[in-house]
C-alpha cells in the first residue's frame, strides 16, 4: 500500500526505489536524493533477534548518511494518512535545511 503512494515520484517529486540493496541490507524503500530509507516492519520485528539486526542495519545506514523512518504494518494498513504526514514532514525539514 505504501509503495502505491511513493512510486512514480508521487511524493513531492522524489524518486523512491522499492527493495533497494545497500551494503549487505535491503531497504524496503529508498530515496537517494533525500538519503531516506523507509522500513515497514511486520510481526517478526517484535523478536529480540530481529530487533538486534534492525539496530545494526540502522547504524550501517547512518554511517552512509541515510536516515531511516520505521513504521509497523499496522500503521501502514490502518493509519496511512499519518504515515504519509511523517514522510512529508521529513521531506519538508530536509528541503528547508541549508
PDB file of N, CA and C in Angstrom:
ATOM      1  N   UNK A   1       0.819  -1.198   0.000  1.00  0.00           N
ATOM      2  CA  UNK A   1       0.000   0.000   0.000  1.00  0.00           C
ATOM      3  C   UNK A   1       0.867   1.268   0.000  1.00  0.00           C
ATOM      4  N   UNK A   2       1.926   1.263   0.781  1.00  0.00           N
ATOM      5  CA  UNK A   2       2.771   2.452   0.836  1.00  0.00           C
ATOM      6  C   UNK A   2       3.466   2.688  -0.502  1.00  0.00           C
ATOM      7  N   UNK A   3       3.864   1.607  -1.153  1.00  0.00           N
ATOM      8  CA  UNK A   3       4.533   1.736  -2.448  1.00  0.00           C
ATOM      9  C   UNK A   3       3.632   2.456  -3.454  1.00  0.00           C
ATOM     10  N   UNK A   4       2.345   2.246  -3.374  1.00  0.00           N
ATOM     11  CA  UNK A   4       1.412   2.924  -4.280  1.00  0.00           C
ATOM     12  C   UNK A   4       1.467   4.443  -4.116  1.00  0.00           C
ATOM     13  N   UNK A   5       1.852   4.914  -2.945  1.00  0.00           N
ATOM     14  CA  UNK A   5       1.941   6.358  -2.665  1.00  0.00           C
ATOM     15  C   UNK A   5       3.322   6.937  -2.961  1.00  0.00           C
ATOM     16  N   UNK A   6       4.345   6.067  -3.037  1.00  0.00           N
ATOM     17  CA  UNK A   6       5.716   6.548  -3.213  1.00  0.00           C
ATOM     18  C   UNK A   6       6.217   6.435  -4.651  1.00  0.00           C
ATOM     19  N   UNK A   7       5.721   5.465  -5.386  1.00  0.00           N
ATOM     20  CA  UNK A   7       6.271   5.211  -6.729  1.00  0.00           C
ATOM     21  C   UNK A   7       5.906   6.315  -7.715  1.00  0.00           C
ATOM     22  N   UNK A   8       6.658   6.348  -8.803  1.00  0.00           N
ATOM     23  CA  UNK A   8       6.460   7.307  -9.893  1.00  0.00           C
ATOM     24  C   UNK A   8       6.496   8.758  -9.416  1.00  0.00           C
ATOM     25  N   UNK A   9       7.404   9.031  -8.483  1.00  0.00           N
ATOM     26  CA  UNK A   9       7.651  10.399  -7.997  1.00  0.00           C
ATOM     27  C   UNK A   9       6.396  11.095  -7.460  1.00  0.00           C
ATOM     28  N   UNK A  10       5.488  10.310  -6.890  1.00  0.00           N
ATOM     29  CA  UNK A  10       4.253  10.880  -6.348  1.00  0.00           C
ATOM     30  C   UNK A  10       4.471  11.651  -5.053  1.00  0.00           C
ATOM     31  N   UNK A  11       5.558  11.341  -4.348  1.00  0.00           N
ATOM     32  CA  UNK A  11       5.807  12.006  -3.064  1.00  0.00           C
ATOM     33  C   UNK A  11       6.665  13.239  -3.323  1.00  0.00           C
ATOM     34  N   UNK A  12       6.017  14.343  -3.617  1.00  0.00           N
ATOM     35  CA  UNK A  12       6.672  15.637  -3.829  1.00  0.00           C
ATOM     36  C   UNK A  12       7.757  15.601  -4.900  1.00  0.00           C
ATOM     37  N   UNK A  13       7.589  14.707  -5.873  1.00  0.00           N
ATOM     38  CA  UNK A  13       8.527  14.639  -6.988  1.00  0.00           C
ATOM     39  C   UNK A  13       9.790  13.843  -6.720  1.00  0.00           C
ATOM     40  N   UNK A  14       9.892  13.197  -5.580  1.00  0.00           N
ATOM     41  CA  UNK A  14      11.084  12.422  -5.245  1.00  0.00           C
ATOM     42  C   UNK A  14      10.961  10.986  -5.749  1.00  0.00           C
ATOM     43  N   UNK A  15      12.091  10.466  -6.225  1.00  0.00           N
ATOM     44  CA  UNK A  15      12.155   9.130  -6.803  1.00  0.00           C
ATOM     45  C   UNK A  15      12.507   8.111  -5.727  1.00  0.00           C
ATOM     46  N   UNK A  16      11.543   7.285  -5.362  1.00  0.00           N
ATOM     47  CA  UNK A  16      11.762   6.217  -4.383  1.00  0.00           C
ATOM     48  C   UNK A  16      11.934   4.890  -5.114  1.00  0.00           C
ATOM     49  N   UNK A  17      12.789   4.047  -4.553  1.00  0.00           N
ATOM     50  CA  UNK A  17      13.000   2.700  -5.075  1.00  0.00           C
ATOM     51  C   UNK A  17      12.484   1.701  -4.052  1.00  0.00           C
ATOM     52  N   UNK A  18      11.962   0.595  -4.537  1.00  0.00           N
ATOM     53  CA  UNK A  18      11.423  -0.454  -3.678  1.00  0.00           C
ATOM     54  C   UNK A  18      12.440  -1.587  -3.573  1.00  0.00           C
ATOM     55  N   UNK A  19      12.645  -2.107  -2.365  1.00  0.00           N
ATOM     56  CA  UNK A  19      13.574  -3.209  -2.123  1.00  0.00           C
ATOM     57  C   UNK A  19      14.971  -2.889  -2.645  1.00  0.00           C
ATOM     58  N   UNK A  20      15.523  -1.788  -2.159  1.00  0.00           N
ATOM     59  CA  UNK A  20      16.821  -1.283  -2.603  1.00  0.00           C
ATOM     60  C   UNK A  20      17.957  -1.908  -1.789  1.00  0.00           C
ATOM     61  N   UNK A  21      18.853  -2.668  -2.457  1.00  0.00           N
ATOM     62  CA  UNK A  21      20.011  -3.208  -1.732  1.00  0.00           C
ATOM     63  C   UNK A  21      21.061  -2.136  -1.473  1.00  0.00           C
ATOM     64  N   UNK A  22      21.505  -2.047  -0.229  1.00  0.00           N
ATOM     65  CA  UNK A  22      22.590  -1.147   0.166  1.00  0.00           C
ATOM     66  C   UNK A  22      23.471  -1.930   1.135  1.00  0.00           C
ATOM     67  N   UNK A  23      24.751  -2.035   0.774  1.00  0.00           N
ATOM     68  CA  UNK A  23      25.692  -2.829   1.551  1.00  0.00           C
ATOM     69  C   UNK A  23      25.142  -4.258   1.643  1.00  0.00           C
ATOM     70  N   UNK A  24      25.055  -4.825   2.838  1.00  0.00           N
ATOM     71  CA  UNK A  24      24.535  -6.188   2.994  1.00  0.00           C
ATOM     72  C   UNK A  24      23.065  -6.208   3.391  1.00  0.00           C
ATOM     73  N   UNK A  25      22.364  -5.113   3.173  1.00  0.00           N
ATOM     74  CA  UNK A  25      20.979  -4.980   3.609  1.00  0.00           C
ATOM     75  C   UNK A  25      20.083  -4.612   2.435  1.00  0.00           C
ATOM     76  N   UNK A  26      18.790  -4.775   2.648  1.00  0.00           N
ATOM     77  CA  UNK A  26      17.801  -4.325   1.674  1.00  0.00           C
ATOM     78  C   UNK A  26      16.830  -3.415   2.404  1.00  0.00           C
ATOM     79  N   UNK A  27      16.713  -2.181   1.897  1.00  0.00           N
ATOM     80  CA  UNK A  27      15.742  -1.239   2.457  1.00  0.00           C
ATOM     81  C   UNK A  27      14.413  -1.428   1.741  1.00  0.00           C
ATOM     82  N   UNK A  28      13.319  -1.384   2.491  1.00  0.00           N
ATOM     83  CA  UNK A  28      12.006  -1.528   1.871  1.00  0.00           C
ATOM     84  C   UNK A  28      11.797  -0.453   0.809  1.00  0.00           C
ATOM     85  N   UNK A  29      12.121   0.786   1.162  1.00  0.00           N
ATOM     86  CA  UNK A  29      12.007   1.916   0.236  1.00  0.00           C
ATOM     87  C   UNK A  29      13.211   2.831   0.447  1.00  0.00           C
ATOM     88  N   UNK A  30      13.696   3.438  -0.637  1.00  0.00           N
ATOM     89  CA  UNK A  30      14.857   4.308  -0.526  1.00  0.00           C
ATOM     90  C   UNK A  30      14.773   5.430  -1.545  1.00  0.00           C
ATOM     91  N   UNK A  31      15.105   6.647  -1.088  1.00  0.00           N
ATOM     92  CA  UNK A  31      15.223   7.816  -1.960  1.00  0.00           C
ATOM     93  C   UNK A  31      16.633   8.362  -1.812  1.00  0.00           C
ATOM     94  N   UNK A  32      17.403   8.281  -2.896  1.00  0.00           N
ATOM     95  CA  UNK A  32      18.794   8.729  -2.860  1.00  0.00           C
ATOM     96  C   UNK A  32      18.887  10.231  -2.650  1.00  0.00           C
ATOM     97  N   UNK A  33      18.036  11.008  -3.329  1.00  0.00           N
ATOM     98  CA  UNK A  33      18.080  12.473  -3.190  1.00  0.00           C
ATOM     99  C   UNK A  33      17.921  12.918  -1.745  1.00  0.00           C
ATOM    100  N   UNK A  34      17.039  12.249  -1.033  1.00  0.00           N
ATOM    101  CA  UNK A  34      16.763  12.603   0.364  1.00  0.00           C
ATOM    102  C   UNK A  34      17.650  11.844   1.347  1.00  0.00           C
ATOM    103  N   UNK A  35      18.373  10.830   0.830  1.00  0.00           N
ATOM    104  CA  UNK A  35      19.119   9.915   1.702  1.00  0.00           C
ATOM    105  C   UNK A  35      18.188   9.388   2.798  1.00  0.00           C
ATOM    106  N   UNK A  36      17.026   8.903   2.342  1.00  0.00           N
ATOM    107  CA  UNK A  36      15.967   8.442   3.232  1.00  0.00           C
ATOM    108  C   UNK A  36      15.614   6.996   2.930  1.00  0.00           C
ATOM    109  N   UNK A  37      15.671   6.168   3.957  1.00  0.00           N
ATOM    110  CA  UNK A  37      15.186   4.801   3.874  1.00  0.00           C
ATOM    111  C   UNK A  37      13.920   4.684   4.693  1.00  0.00           C
ATOM    112  N   UNK A  38      12.984   3.914   4.191  1.00  0.00           N
ATOM    113  CA  UNK A  38      11.728   3.676   4.908  1.00  0.00           C
ATOM    114  C   UNK A  38      11.582   2.169   5.080  1.00  0.00           C
ATOM    115  N   UNK A  39      11.362   1.753   6.310  1.00  0.00           N
ATOM    116  CA  UNK A  39      11.181   0.351   6.633  1.00  0.00           C
ATOM    117  C   UNK A  39       9.770   0.134   7.165  1.00  0.00           C
ATOM    118  N   UNK A  40       9.132  -0.921   6.687  1.00  0.00           N
ATOM    119  CA  UNK A  40       7.812  -1.324   7.170  1.00  0.00           C
ATOM    120  C   UNK A  40       7.979  -2.689   7.828  1.00  0.00           C
ATOM    121  N   UNK A  41       7.726  -2.727   9.130  1.00  0.00           N
ATOM    122  CA  UNK A  41       8.010  -3.908   9.928  1.00  0.00           C
ATOM    123  C   UNK A  41       6.759  -4.709  10.235  1.00  0.00           C
ATOM    124  N   UNK A  42       6.842  -6.008   9.986  1.00  0.00           N
ATOM    125  CA  UNK A  42       5.786  -6.936  10.366  1.00  0.00           C
ATOM    126  C   UNK A  42       6.010  -7.464  11.769  1.00  0.00           C
ATOM    127  N   UNK A  43       5.231  -8.481  12.112  1.00  0.00           N
ATOM    128  CA  UNK A  43       5.272  -9.037  13.467  1.00  0.00           C
ATOM    129  C   UNK A  43       6.644  -9.602  13.847  1.00  0.00           C
ATOM    130  N   UNK A  44       7.419 -10.072  12.868  1.00  0.00           N
ATOM    131  CA  UNK A  44       8.721 -10.671  13.192  1.00  0.00           C
ATOM    132  C   UNK A  44       9.676  -9.660  13.823  1.00  0.00           C
ATOM    133  N   UNK A  45       9.432  -8.381  13.611  1.00  0.00           N
ATOM    134  CA  UNK A  45      10.317  -7.355  14.171  1.00  0.00           C
ATOM    135  C   UNK A  45      10.101  -7.148  15.666  1.00  0.00           C
ATOM    136  N   UNK A  46       9.160  -7.896  16.232  1.00  0.00           N
ATOM    137  CA  UNK A  46       8.970  -7.877  17.679  1.00  0.00           C
ATOM    138  C   UNK A  46       9.947  -8.830  18.375  1.00  0.00           C
ATOM    139  N   UNK A  47      10.572  -9.717  17.599  1.00  0.00           N
ATOM    140  CA  UNK A  47      11.532 -10.667  18.155  1.00  0.00           C
ATOM    141  C   UNK A  47      12.849  -9.967  18.455  1.00  0.00           C
ATOM    142  N   UNK A  48      13.462 -10.326  19.571  1.00  0.00           N
ATOM    143  CA  UNK A  48      14.698  -9.688  20.025  1.00  0.00           C
ATOM    144  C   UNK A  48      15.797  -9.813  18.970  1.00  0.00           C
ATOM    145  N   UNK A  49      15.938 -11.004  18.364  1.00  0.00           N
ATOM    146  CA  UNK A  49      16.996 -11.201  17.371  1.00  0.00           C
ATOM    147  C   UNK A  49      16.823 -10.273  16.178  1.00  0.00           C
ATOM    148  N   UNK A  50      15.590 -10.100  15.750  1.00  0.00           N
ATOM    149  CA  UNK A  50      15.307  -9.240  14.597  1.00  0.00           C
ATOM    150  C   UNK A  50      15.522  -7.775  14.970  1.00  0.00           C
ATOM    151  N   UNK A  51      15.162  -7.397  16.176  1.00  0.00           N
ATOM    152  CA  UNK A  51      15.401  -6.031  16.633  1.00  0.00           C
ATOM    153  C   UNK A  51      16.887  -5.725  16.670  1.00  0.00           C
ATOM    154  N   UNK A  52      17.699  -6.696  17.070  1.00  0.00           N
ATOM    155  CA  UNK A  52      19.150  -6.505  17.077  1.00  0.00           C
ATOM    156  C   UNK A  52      19.669  -6.299  15.653  1.00  0.00           C
ATOM    157  N   UNK A  53      19.175  -7.077  14.703  1.00  0.00           N
ATOM    158  CA  UNK A  53      19.569  -6.922  13.303  1.00  0.00           C
ATOM    159  C   UNK A  53      19.118  -5.558  12.769  1.00  0.00           C
ATOM    160  N   UNK A  54      17.934  -5.123  13.191  1.00  0.00           N
ATOM    161  CA  UNK A  54      17.436  -3.802  12.775  1.00  0.00           C
ATOM    162  C   UNK A  54      18.353  -2.691  13.273  1.00  0.00           C
ATOM    163  N   UNK A  55      18.849  -2.820  14.506  1.00  0.00           N
ATOM    164  CA  UNK A  55      19.761  -1.805  15.052  1.00  0.00           C
ATOM    165  C   UNK A  55      21.067  -1.755  14.255  1.00  0.00           C
ATOM    166  N   UNK A  56      21.589  -2.914  13.895  1.00  0.00           N
ATOM    167  CA  UNK A  56      22.813  -2.969  13.092  1.00  0.00           C
ATOM    168  C   UNK A  56      22.546  -2.335  11.717  1.00  0.00           C
ATOM    169  N   UNK A  57      21.420  -2.646  11.141  1.00  0.00           N
ATOM    170  CA  UNK A  57      21.043  -2.089   9.842  1.00  0.00           C
ATOM    171  C   UNK A  57      20.945  -0.571   9.913  1.00  0.00           C
ATOM    172  N   UNK A  58      20.293  -0.061  10.955  1.00  0.00           N
ATOM    173  CA  UNK A  58      20.148   1.390  11.104  1.00  0.00           C
ATOM    174  C   UNK A  58      21.496   2.068  11.331  1.00  0.00           C
ATOM    175  N   UNK A  59      22.365   1.454  12.112  1.00  0.00           N
ATOM    176  CA  UNK A  59      23.698   2.008  12.344  1.00  0.00           C
ATOM    177  C   UNK A  59      24.489   2.043  11.038  1.00  0.00           C
ATOM    178  N   UNK A  60      24.429   0.974  10.274  1.00  0.00           N
ATOM    179  CA  UNK A  60      25.117   0.927   8.984  1.00  0.00           C
ATOM    180  C   UNK A  60      24.587   2.006   8.050  1.00  0.00           C
ATOM    181  N   UNK A  61      23.266   2.153   7.984  1.00  0.00           N
ATOM    182  CA  UNK A  61      22.671   3.172   7.121  1.00  0.00           C
ATOM    183  C   UNK A  61      23.081   4.567   7.591  1.00  0.00           C
ATOM    184  N   UNK A  62      23.109   4.769   8.896  1.00  0.00           N
ATOM    185  CA  UNK A  62      23.524   6.053   9.452  1.00  0.00           C
ATOM    186  C   UNK A  62      24.959   6.382   9.048  1.00  0.00           C
ATOM    187  N   UNK A  63      25.822   5.372   9.041  1.00  0.00           N
ATOM    188  CA  UNK A  63      27.208   5.575   8.614  1.00  0.00           C
ATOM    189  C   UNK A  63      27.295   5.987   7.148  1.00  0.00           C
ATOM    190  N   UNK A  64      26.309   5.623   6.353  1.00  0.00           N
ATOM    191  CA  UNK A  64      26.235   6.041   4.949  1.00  0.00           C
ATOM    192  C   UNK A  64      25.518   7.385   4.798  1.00  0.00           C
ATOM    193  N   UNK A  65      25.046   7.963   5.909  1.00  0.00           N
ATOM    194  CA  UNK A  65      24.322   9.227   5.855  1.00  0.00           C
ATOM    195  C   UNK A  65      22.851   9.069   5.540  1.00  0.00           C
ATOM    196  N   UNK A  66      22.323   7.858   5.709  1.00  0.00           N
ATOM    197  CA  UNK A  66      20.921   7.568   5.397  1.00  0.00           C
ATOM    198  C   UNK A  66      20.105   7.574   6.684  1.00  0.00           C
ATOM    199  N   UNK A  67      19.020   8.323   6.674  1.00  0.00           N
ATOM    200  CA  UNK A  67      18.075   8.339   7.782  1.00  0.00           C
ATOM    201  C   UNK A  67      17.026   7.266   7.527  1.00  0.00           C
ATOM    202  N   UNK A  68      16.644   6.548   8.566  1.00  0.00           N
ATOM    203  CA  UNK A  68      15.620   5.515   8.449  1.00  0.00           C
ATOM    204  C   UNK A  68      14.364   5.966   9.183  1.00  0.00           C
ATOM    205  N   UNK A  69      13.238   5.920   8.483  1.00  0.00           N
ATOM    206  CA  UNK A  69      11.927   6.073   9.113  1.00  0.00           C
ATOM    207  C   UNK A  69      11.331   4.674   9.180  1.00  0.00           C
ATOM    208  N   UNK A  70      10.873   4.285  10.349  1.00  0.00           N
ATOM    209  CA  UNK A  70      10.377   2.929  10.559  1.00  0.00           C
ATOM    210  C   UNK A  70       8.901   2.974  10.950  1.00  0.00           C
ATOM    211  N   UNK A  71       8.109   2.163  10.261  1.00  0.00           N
ATOM    212  CA  UNK A  71       6.674   2.061  10.528  1.00  0.00           C
ATOM    213  C   UNK A  71       6.302   0.594  10.690  1.00  0.00           C
ATOM    214  N   UNK A  72       5.228   0.332  11.402  1.00  0.00           N
ATOM    215  CA  UNK A  72       4.723  -1.036  11.509  1.00  0.00           C
ATOM    216  C   UNK A  72       3.726  -1.288  10.379  1.00  0.00           C
ATOM    217  N   UNK A  73       3.510  -2.565  10.085  1.00  0.00           N
ATOM    218  CA  UNK A  73       2.470  -2.935   9.121  1.00  0.00           C
ATOM    219  C   UNK A  73       1.134  -2.324   9.541  1.00  0.00           C
ATOM    220  N   UNK A  74       0.869  -2.388  10.838  1.00  0.00           N
ATOM    221  CA  UNK A  74      -0.386  -1.871  11.370  1.00  0.00           C
ATOM    222  C   UNK A  74      -0.553  -0.377  11.040  1.00  0.00           C
ATOM    223  N   UNK A  75       0.504   0.405  11.222  1.00  0.00           N
ATOM    224  CA  UNK A  75       0.432   1.829  10.905  1.00  0.00           C
ATOM    225  C   UNK A  75       0.118   2.044   9.425  1.00  0.00           C
ATOM    226  N   UNK A  76       0.792   1.305   8.564  1.00  0.00           N
ATOM    227  CA  UNK A  76       0.594   1.472   7.122  1.00  0.00           C
ATOM    228  C   UNK A  76      -0.822   1.060   6.730  1.00  0.00           C
ATOM    229  N   UNK A  77      -1.303  -0.029   7.291  1.00  0.00           N
ATOM    230  CA  UNK A  77      -2.632  -0.521   6.924  1.00  0.00           C
ATOM    231  C   UNK A  77      -3.765   0.289   7.535  1.00  0.00           C
ATOM    232  N   UNK A  78      -3.562   0.786   8.734  1.00  0.00           N
ATOM    233  CA  UNK A  78      -4.672   1.418   9.455  1.00  0.00           C
ATOM    234  C   UNK A  78      -4.562   2.942   9.598  1.00  0.00           C
ATOM    235  N   UNK A  79      -3.371   3.479   9.344  1.00  0.00           N
ATOM    236  CA  UNK A  79      -3.178   4.912   9.579  1.00  0.00           C
ATOM    237  C   UNK A  79      -2.265   5.522   8.504  1.00  0.00           C
ATOM    238  N   UNK A  80      -2.545   5.206   7.254  1.00  0.00           N
ATOM    239  CA  UNK A  80      -1.709   5.658   6.140  1.00  0.00           C
ATOM    240  C   UNK A  80      -1.566   7.174   6.124  1.00  0.00           C
ATOM    241  N   UNK A  81      -2.611   7.879   6.478  1.00  0.00           N
ATOM    242  CA  UNK A  81      -2.573   9.348   6.460  1.00  0.00           C
ATOM    243  C   UNK A  81      -1.439   9.885   7.334  1.00  0.00           C
ATOM    244  N   UNK A  82      -1.279   9.346   8.531  1.00  0.00           N
ATOM    245  CA  UNK A  82      -0.211   9.816   9.420  1.00  0.00           C
ATOM    246  C   UNK A  82       1.158   9.328   8.971  1.00  0.00           C
ATOM    247  N   UNK A  83       1.230   8.139   8.387  1.00  0.00           N
ATOM    248  CA  UNK A  83       2.492   7.650   7.836  1.00  0.00           C
ATOM    249  C   UNK A  83       2.972   8.616   6.757  1.00  0.00           C
ATOM    250  N   UNK A  84       2.086   8.983   5.854  1.00  0.00           N
ATOM    251  CA  UNK A  84       2.442   9.918   4.784  1.00  0.00           C
ATOM    252  C   UNK A  84       2.799  11.293   5.339  1.00  0.00           C
ATOM    253  N   UNK A  85       2.110  11.712   6.380  1.00  0.00           N
ATOM    254  CA  UNK A  85       2.397  13.001   7.012  1.00  0.00           C
ATOM    255  C   UNK A  85       3.812  13.009   7.603  1.00  0.00           C
ATOM    256  N   UNK A  86       4.212  11.927   8.232  1.00  0.00           N
ATOM    257  CA  UNK A  86       5.558  11.840   8.812  1.00  0.00           C
ATOM    258  C   UNK A  86       6.613  11.907   7.710  1.00  0.00           C
ATOM    259  N   UNK A  87       6.372  11.210   6.601  1.00  0.00           N
ATOM    260  CA  UNK A  87       7.308  11.251   5.465  1.00  0.00           C
ATOM    261  C   UNK A  87       7.362  12.659   4.882  1.00  0.00           C
ATOM    262  N   UNK A  88       6.213  13.287   4.719  1.00  0.00           N
ATOM    263  CA  UNK A  88       6.170  14.659   4.208  1.00  0.00           C
ATOM    264  C   UNK A  88       6.868  15.628   5.144  1.00  0.00           C
ATOM    265  N   UNK A  89       6.711  15.449   6.449  1.00  0.00           N
ATOM    266  CA  UNK A  89       7.406  16.306   7.425  1.00  0.00           C
ATOM    267  C   UNK A  89       8.916  16.154   7.295  1.00  0.00           C
ATOM    268  N   UNK A  90       9.378  14.912   7.095  1.00  0.00           N
ATOM    269  CA  UNK A  90      10.810  14.685   6.900  1.00  0.00           C
ATOM    270  C   UNK A  90      11.287  15.426   5.649  1.00  0.00           C
ATOM    271  N   UNK A  91      10.527  15.312   4.557  1.00  0.00           N
ATOM    272  CA  UNK A  91      10.890  15.959   3.303  1.00  0.00           C
ATOM    273  C   UNK A  91      10.937  17.471   3.491  1.00  0.00           C
ATOM    274  N   UNK A  92       9.931  18.020   4.137  1.00  0.00           N
ATOM    275  CA  UNK A  92       9.880  19.476   4.356  1.00  0.00           C
ATOM    276  C   UNK A  92      11.092  19.933   5.177  1.00  0.00           C
ATOM    277  N   UNK A  93      11.424  19.197   6.234  1.00  0.00           N
ATOM    278  CA  UNK A  93      12.577  19.538   7.061  1.00  0.00           C
ATOM    279  C   UNK A  93      13.863  19.460   6.235  1.00  0.00           C
ATOM    280  N   UNK A  94      13.994  18.427   5.438  1.00  0.00           N
ATOM    281  CA  UNK A  94      15.193  18.245   4.618  1.00  0.00           C
ATOM    282  C   UNK A  94      15.325  19.365   3.585  1.00  0.00           C
ATOM    283  N   UNK A  95      14.209  19.778   2.994  1.00  0.00           N
ATOM    284  CA  UNK A  95      14.223  20.821   1.970  1.00  0.00           C
ATOM    285  C   UNK A  95      14.554  22.197   2.558  1.00  0.00           C
ATOM    286  N   UNK A  96      14.240  22.412   3.821  1.00  0.00           N
ATOM    287  CA  UNK A  96      14.472  23.726   4.412  1.00  0.00           C
ATOM    288  C   UNK A  96      15.815  23.839   5.133  1.00  0.00           C
ATOM    289  N   UNK A  97      16.540  22.721   5.232  1.00  0.00           N
ATOM    290  CA  UNK A  97      17.875  22.774   5.837  1.00  0.00           C
ATOM    291  C   UNK A  97      18.885  23.279   4.806  1.00  0.00           C
ATOM    292  N   UNK A  98      19.871  24.067   5.251  1.00  0.00           N
ATOM    293  CA  UNK A  98      20.872  24.564   4.293  1.00  0.00           C
ATOM    294  C   UNK A  98      21.747  23.441   3.759  1.00  0.00           C
TER     295      UNK A  98
END
